[in-house]
Structures are given as C-alpha cells and as structure tokens.
Amino acid sequence: MSLPTGSTPVLRREVLRLYRAILKEAKRIPDRDRSMWIQAKTRHDFRKNMHEKEPDNITLHLQLGEVHLESIRVQADHLQQFYFPDPEEQERRTRGPPEAIL
C-alpha cells in the first residue's frame, strides 16, 4: 500500500498523505495504549503492503484507509470528551496546581 514503484505519483502522494494523517490522528487519542496500538498497526499494515503494484488494489487500500482514518477521528473526539468533559478542567490540568498564595 505504501510507495509502490509502479504506481503513479498521485497514488504515491495519496498513500503518504493518508499514512501521515492516520499517525497524526492516532496521537490525538488520550488513551496512550490505544494510541500506540493504532500507530503500530498502521506502520505494520503499510509495510506489509508496500510492494503492492496493482493500482486497483492500491486504490482499494486507500479507500479502506480513509474509512479507518474517519473512525480514528471519531474515536479521538469521543475519548477526549470522555477524558476531558469540561474544557476549563482540561486547561487547569495542563497548567498544573495553582500557585500558593503568600
């Protein structure tokens, strides 16, 4: 699926774009184990299919990858709401404890 030598430059760009987008979205998932699993699975699947030369098969993999990308986006959005239901609470957690009043 990734970077087949017989494919058109457009397919190569699309494969790279999809690969990067999936890895980027996986990093948005607040559950570290799930995020790492998605990243590892993505790398494995792309490496497994990197020698695919048939444009129709590559296109099919791209379509499937787009569905997976959308699923990862939905998971990231829902899990962020679950882990951080209140935006102000999320901001307080990232700032750390309040300063001591003297």
N, C-alpha and C. Protein backbone atom coordinates (compact mmCIF):
# COMPACT_ATOMS: atom_id res chain seq x y z
N MET A 1 0.81 -1.18 0.00
CA MET A 1 0.00 0.00 0.00
C MET A 1 0.86 1.25 0.00
N SER A 2 2.00 1.24 0.62
CA SER A 2 2.77 2.48 0.66
C SER A 2 3.91 2.45 -0.35
N LEU A 3 3.97 3.46 -1.14
CA LEU A 3 5.04 3.73 -2.07
C LEU A 3 5.38 2.63 -3.07
N PRO A 4 4.41 2.08 -3.77
CA PRO A 4 4.73 1.11 -4.80
C PRO A 4 5.44 1.78 -5.96
N THR A 5 6.45 1.12 -6.51
CA THR A 5 7.26 1.74 -7.56
C THR A 5 6.52 1.87 -8.88
N GLY A 6 5.56 1.00 -9.17
CA GLY A 6 4.85 1.06 -10.44
C GLY A 6 3.66 1.99 -10.44
N SER A 7 3.37 2.64 -9.35
CA SER A 7 2.17 3.47 -9.27
C SER A 7 2.45 4.89 -9.77
N THR A 8 1.39 5.61 -9.98
CA THR A 8 1.52 6.99 -10.41
C THR A 8 1.95 7.85 -9.24
N PRO A 9 2.55 9.00 -9.53
CA PRO A 9 2.93 9.91 -8.44
C PRO A 9 1.74 10.36 -7.59
N VAL A 10 0.57 10.42 -8.21
CA VAL A 10 -0.61 10.83 -7.46
C VAL A 10 -0.94 9.80 -6.39
N LEU A 11 -0.90 8.52 -6.74
CA LEU A 11 -1.16 7.47 -5.75
C LEU A 11 -0.11 7.49 -4.65
N ARG A 12 1.13 7.69 -5.01
CA ARG A 12 2.20 7.75 -4.01
C ARG A 12 1.94 8.87 -3.01
N ARG A 13 1.57 10.04 -3.52
CA ARG A 13 1.28 11.19 -2.64
C ARG A 13 0.08 10.89 -1.74
N GLU A 14 -0.93 10.27 -2.31
CA GLU A 14 -2.13 9.94 -1.53
C GLU A 14 -1.81 8.94 -0.42
N VAL A 15 -0.99 7.96 -0.72
CA VAL A 15 -0.60 6.97 0.28
C VAL A 15 0.16 7.65 1.42
N LEU A 16 1.11 8.50 1.09
CA LEU A 16 1.88 9.21 2.12
C LEU A 16 0.99 10.14 2.94
N ARG A 17 0.08 10.83 2.27
CA ARG A 17 -0.83 11.74 2.97
C ARG A 17 -1.68 10.96 3.97
N LEU A 18 -2.21 9.83 3.52
CA LEU A 18 -3.06 9.01 4.39
C LEU A 18 -2.25 8.46 5.57
N TYR A 19 -1.06 7.96 5.30
CA TYR A 19 -0.20 7.42 6.35
C TYR A 19 0.07 8.47 7.43
N ARG A 20 0.46 9.65 7.00
CA ARG A 20 0.75 10.73 7.96
C ARG A 20 -0.50 11.16 8.73
N ALA A 21 -1.63 11.23 8.03
CA ALA A 21 -2.87 11.65 8.67
C ALA A 21 -3.30 10.65 9.74
N ILE A 22 -3.19 9.36 9.45
CA ILE A 22 -3.57 8.35 10.44
C ILE A 22 -2.67 8.43 11.67
N LEU A 23 -1.37 8.56 11.46
CA LEU A 23 -0.45 8.66 12.61
C LEU A 23 -0.72 9.92 13.43
N LYS A 24 -1.01 11.01 12.75
CA LYS A 24 -1.30 12.27 13.44
C LYS A 24 -2.58 12.16 14.26
N GLU A 25 -3.63 11.60 13.69
CA GLU A 25 -4.89 11.44 14.40
C GLU A 25 -4.75 10.48 15.57
N ALA A 26 -3.95 9.45 15.40
CA ALA A 26 -3.75 8.47 16.49
C ALA A 26 -3.14 9.15 17.72
N LYS A 27 -2.31 10.15 17.49
CA LYS A 27 -1.69 10.86 18.62
C LYS A 27 -2.69 11.71 19.39
N ARG A 28 -3.85 12.01 18.80
CA ARG A 28 -4.89 12.78 19.48
C ARG A 28 -5.67 11.95 20.49
N ILE A 29 -5.55 10.63 20.42
CA ILE A 29 -6.30 9.76 21.32
C ILE A 29 -5.65 9.81 22.70
N PRO A 30 -6.42 10.20 23.73
CA PRO A 30 -5.82 10.37 25.05
C PRO A 30 -5.43 9.07 25.74
N ASP A 31 -5.98 7.95 25.32
CA ASP A 31 -5.62 6.65 25.89
C ASP A 31 -4.31 6.21 25.23
N ARG A 32 -3.22 6.27 25.98
CA ARG A 32 -1.89 6.01 25.43
C ARG A 32 -1.77 4.63 24.80
N ASP A 33 -2.31 3.61 25.46
CA ASP A 33 -2.22 2.25 24.91
C ASP A 33 -2.93 2.14 23.56
N ARG A 34 -4.12 2.71 23.48
CA ARG A 34 -4.87 2.67 22.22
C ARG A 34 -4.14 3.44 21.13
N SER A 35 -3.62 4.59 21.48
CA SER A 35 -2.88 5.41 20.53
C SER A 35 -1.66 4.67 19.98
N MET A 36 -0.90 4.06 20.87
CA MET A 36 0.29 3.33 20.46
C MET A 36 -0.08 2.11 19.60
N TRP A 37 -1.18 1.43 19.94
CA TRP A 37 -1.61 0.28 19.17
C TRP A 37 -1.98 0.70 17.75
N ILE A 38 -2.72 1.79 17.62
CA ILE A 38 -3.12 2.27 16.28
C ILE A 38 -1.89 2.63 15.46
N GLN A 39 -0.93 3.31 16.08
CA GLN A 39 0.28 3.68 15.37
C GLN A 39 1.05 2.44 14.91
N ALA A 40 1.20 1.47 15.80
CA ALA A 40 1.94 0.24 15.45
C ALA A 40 1.21 -0.54 14.35
N LYS A 41 -0.11 -0.65 14.46
CA LYS A 41 -0.90 -1.37 13.46
C LYS A 41 -0.82 -0.67 12.10
N THR A 42 -0.84 0.65 12.11
CA THR A 42 -0.73 1.42 10.87
C THR A 42 0.61 1.17 10.20
N ARG A 43 1.68 1.27 10.97
CA ARG A 43 3.01 1.02 10.41
C ARG A 43 3.12 -0.40 9.85
N HIS A 44 2.60 -1.37 10.60
CA HIS A 44 2.65 -2.77 10.16
C HIS A 44 1.89 -2.95 8.84
N ASP A 45 0.67 -2.42 8.77
CA ASP A 45 -0.15 -2.60 7.57
C ASP A 45 0.47 -1.92 6.35
N PHE A 46 1.02 -0.73 6.54
CA PHE A 46 1.63 -0.04 5.41
C PHE A 46 2.88 -0.78 4.93
N ARG A 47 3.68 -1.27 5.88
CA ARG A 47 4.88 -2.03 5.48
C ARG A 47 4.51 -3.33 4.78
N LYS A 48 3.46 -3.99 5.28
CA LYS A 48 3.03 -5.26 4.71
C LYS A 48 2.61 -5.08 3.25
N ASN A 49 2.03 -3.95 2.92
CA ASN A 49 1.51 -3.72 1.57
C ASN A 49 2.39 -2.81 0.72
N MET A 50 3.57 -2.53 1.17
CA MET A 50 4.41 -1.55 0.47
C MET A 50 4.87 -2.00 -0.92
N HIS A 51 4.79 -3.28 -1.21
CA HIS A 51 5.23 -3.77 -2.52
C HIS A 51 4.07 -4.01 -3.48
N GLU A 52 2.88 -3.57 -3.09
CA GLU A 52 1.72 -3.70 -3.96
C GLU A 52 1.93 -2.83 -5.20
N LYS A 53 1.73 -3.41 -6.37
CA LYS A 53 1.96 -2.67 -7.62
C LYS A 53 0.69 -2.43 -8.42
N GLU A 54 -0.36 -3.15 -8.11
CA GLU A 54 -1.62 -3.04 -8.86
C GLU A 54 -2.38 -1.78 -8.42
N PRO A 55 -2.55 -0.81 -9.33
CA PRO A 55 -3.23 0.44 -8.96
C PRO A 55 -4.64 0.23 -8.39
N ASP A 56 -5.37 -0.76 -8.89
CA ASP A 56 -6.71 -1.01 -8.37
C ASP A 56 -6.66 -1.46 -6.91
N ASN A 57 -5.70 -2.30 -6.58
CA ASN A 57 -5.54 -2.75 -5.19
C ASN A 57 -5.10 -1.59 -4.29
N ILE A 58 -4.22 -0.75 -4.81
CA ILE A 58 -3.76 0.40 -4.03
C ILE A 58 -4.93 1.33 -3.75
N THR A 59 -5.75 1.56 -4.77
CA THR A 59 -6.92 2.42 -4.60
C THR A 59 -7.88 1.84 -3.58
N LEU A 60 -8.08 0.53 -3.62
CA LEU A 60 -8.94 -0.13 -2.64
C LEU A 60 -8.39 0.05 -1.22
N HIS A 61 -7.09 -0.13 -1.05
CA HIS A 61 -6.46 0.08 0.26
C HIS A 61 -6.60 1.53 0.71
N LEU A 62 -6.47 2.46 -0.21
CA LEU A 62 -6.64 3.88 0.14
C LEU A 62 -8.05 4.15 0.63
N GLN A 63 -9.03 3.60 -0.05
CA GLN A 63 -10.42 3.80 0.37
C GLN A 63 -10.67 3.21 1.76
N LEU A 64 -10.15 2.03 1.99
CA LEU A 64 -10.27 1.42 3.30
C LEU A 64 -9.55 2.25 4.37
N GLY A 65 -8.38 2.75 4.01
CA GLY A 65 -7.62 3.59 4.94
C GLY A 65 -8.36 4.87 5.29
N GLU A 66 -9.07 5.45 4.34
CA GLU A 66 -9.86 6.66 4.61
C GLU A 66 -10.98 6.37 5.61
N VAL A 67 -11.59 5.19 5.49
CA VAL A 67 -12.62 4.80 6.44
C VAL A 67 -12.01 4.65 7.83
N HIS A 68 -10.84 4.02 7.90
CA HIS A 68 -10.15 3.88 9.19
C HIS A 68 -9.78 5.24 9.77
N LEU A 69 -9.32 6.14 8.93
CA LEU A 69 -8.96 7.48 9.39
C LEU A 69 -10.16 8.18 10.01
N GLU A 70 -11.31 8.10 9.36
CA GLU A 70 -12.51 8.73 9.90
C GLU A 70 -12.90 8.10 11.23
N SER A 71 -12.76 6.78 11.33
CA SER A 71 -13.05 6.09 12.58
C SER A 71 -12.11 6.56 13.71
N ILE A 72 -10.85 6.74 13.38
CA ILE A 72 -9.88 7.21 14.38
C ILE A 72 -10.22 8.62 14.82
N ARG A 73 -10.64 9.47 13.89
CA ARG A 73 -11.05 10.84 14.24
C ARG A 73 -12.23 10.83 15.20
N VAL A 74 -13.21 10.00 14.92
CA VAL A 74 -14.38 9.92 15.79
C VAL A 74 -13.97 9.41 17.17
N GLN A 75 -13.13 8.38 17.21
CA GLN A 75 -12.66 7.86 18.50
C GLN A 75 -11.92 8.93 19.28
N ALA A 76 -11.04 9.65 18.61
CA ALA A 76 -10.27 10.70 19.30
C ALA A 76 -11.20 11.76 19.88
N ASP A 77 -12.18 12.20 19.09
CA ASP A 77 -13.13 13.22 19.57
C ASP A 77 -13.92 12.72 20.78
N HIS A 78 -14.44 11.51 20.69
CA HIS A 78 -15.25 10.96 21.78
C HIS A 78 -14.41 10.71 23.02
N LEU A 79 -13.23 10.16 22.86
CA LEU A 79 -12.39 9.88 24.03
C LEU A 79 -11.91 11.17 24.68
N GLN A 80 -11.64 12.20 23.90
CA GLN A 80 -11.25 13.47 24.50
C GLN A 80 -12.39 14.04 25.34
N GLN A 81 -13.63 13.90 24.86
CA GLN A 81 -14.77 14.36 25.65
C GLN A 81 -14.92 13.53 26.92
N PHE A 82 -14.63 12.25 26.83
CA PHE A 82 -14.72 11.37 27.99
C PHE A 82 -13.64 11.70 29.01
N TYR A 83 -12.41 11.85 28.54
CA TYR A 83 -11.29 12.13 29.44
C TYR A 83 -11.31 13.56 29.96
N PHE A 84 -11.76 14.48 29.12
CA PHE A 84 -11.77 15.90 29.48
C PHE A 84 -13.14 16.49 29.17
N PRO A 85 -14.16 16.19 30.01
CA PRO A 85 -15.52 16.64 29.70
C PRO A 85 -15.68 18.15 29.77
N ASP A 86 -14.92 18.81 30.60
CA ASP A 86 -15.04 20.26 30.77
C ASP A 86 -13.78 20.93 30.24
N PRO A 87 -13.91 21.82 29.22
CA PRO A 87 -12.72 22.48 28.66
C PRO A 87 -11.91 23.24 29.71
N GLU A 88 -12.59 23.85 30.70
CA GLU A 88 -11.87 24.57 31.75
C GLU A 88 -11.07 23.60 32.62
N GLU A 89 -11.65 22.44 32.87
CA GLU A 89 -10.94 21.42 33.65
C GLU A 89 -9.70 20.95 32.90
N GLN A 90 -9.83 20.78 31.61
CA GLN A 90 -8.69 20.37 30.79
C GLN A 90 -7.59 21.42 30.88
N GLU A 91 -7.96 22.69 30.82
CA GLU A 91 -6.97 23.76 30.90
C GLU A 91 -6.29 23.77 32.27
N ARG A 92 -7.06 23.57 33.34
CA ARG A 92 -6.48 23.53 34.68
C ARG A 92 -5.49 22.37 34.81
N ARG A 93 -5.82 21.24 34.22
CA ARG A 93 -4.92 20.08 34.29
C ARG A 93 -3.62 20.33 33.55
N THR A 94 -3.68 21.04 32.46
CA THR A 94 -2.46 21.30 31.70
C THR A 94 -1.60 22.38 32.34
N ARG A 95 -2.22 23.29 33.10
CA ARG A 95 -1.45 24.35 33.76
C ARG A 95 -0.75 23.85 35.01
N GLY A 96 -1.29 22.84 35.64
CA GLY A 96 -0.71 22.34 36.88
C GLY A 96 -1.41 22.94 38.08
N PRO A 97 -0.89 22.66 39.29
CA PRO A 97 -1.54 23.17 40.50
C PRO A 97 -1.43 24.68 40.60
N PRO A 98 -2.41 25.31 41.24
CA PRO A 98 -2.35 26.78 41.39
C PRO A 98 -1.19 27.18 42.30
N GLU A 99 -0.69 28.36 42.05
CA GLU A 99 0.41 28.89 42.86
C GLU A 99 -0.07 29.14 44.30
N ALA A 100 0.82 28.96 45.25
CA ALA A 100 0.49 29.22 46.65
C ALA A 100 0.30 30.72 46.86
N ILE A 101 -0.70 31.06 47.64
CA ILE A 101 -0.96 32.47 47.94
C ILE A 101 -0.11 32.86 49.14
N LEU A 102 0.65 33.93 48.99
CA LEU A 102 1.53 34.36 50.08
C LEU A 102 0.89 35.34 50.96
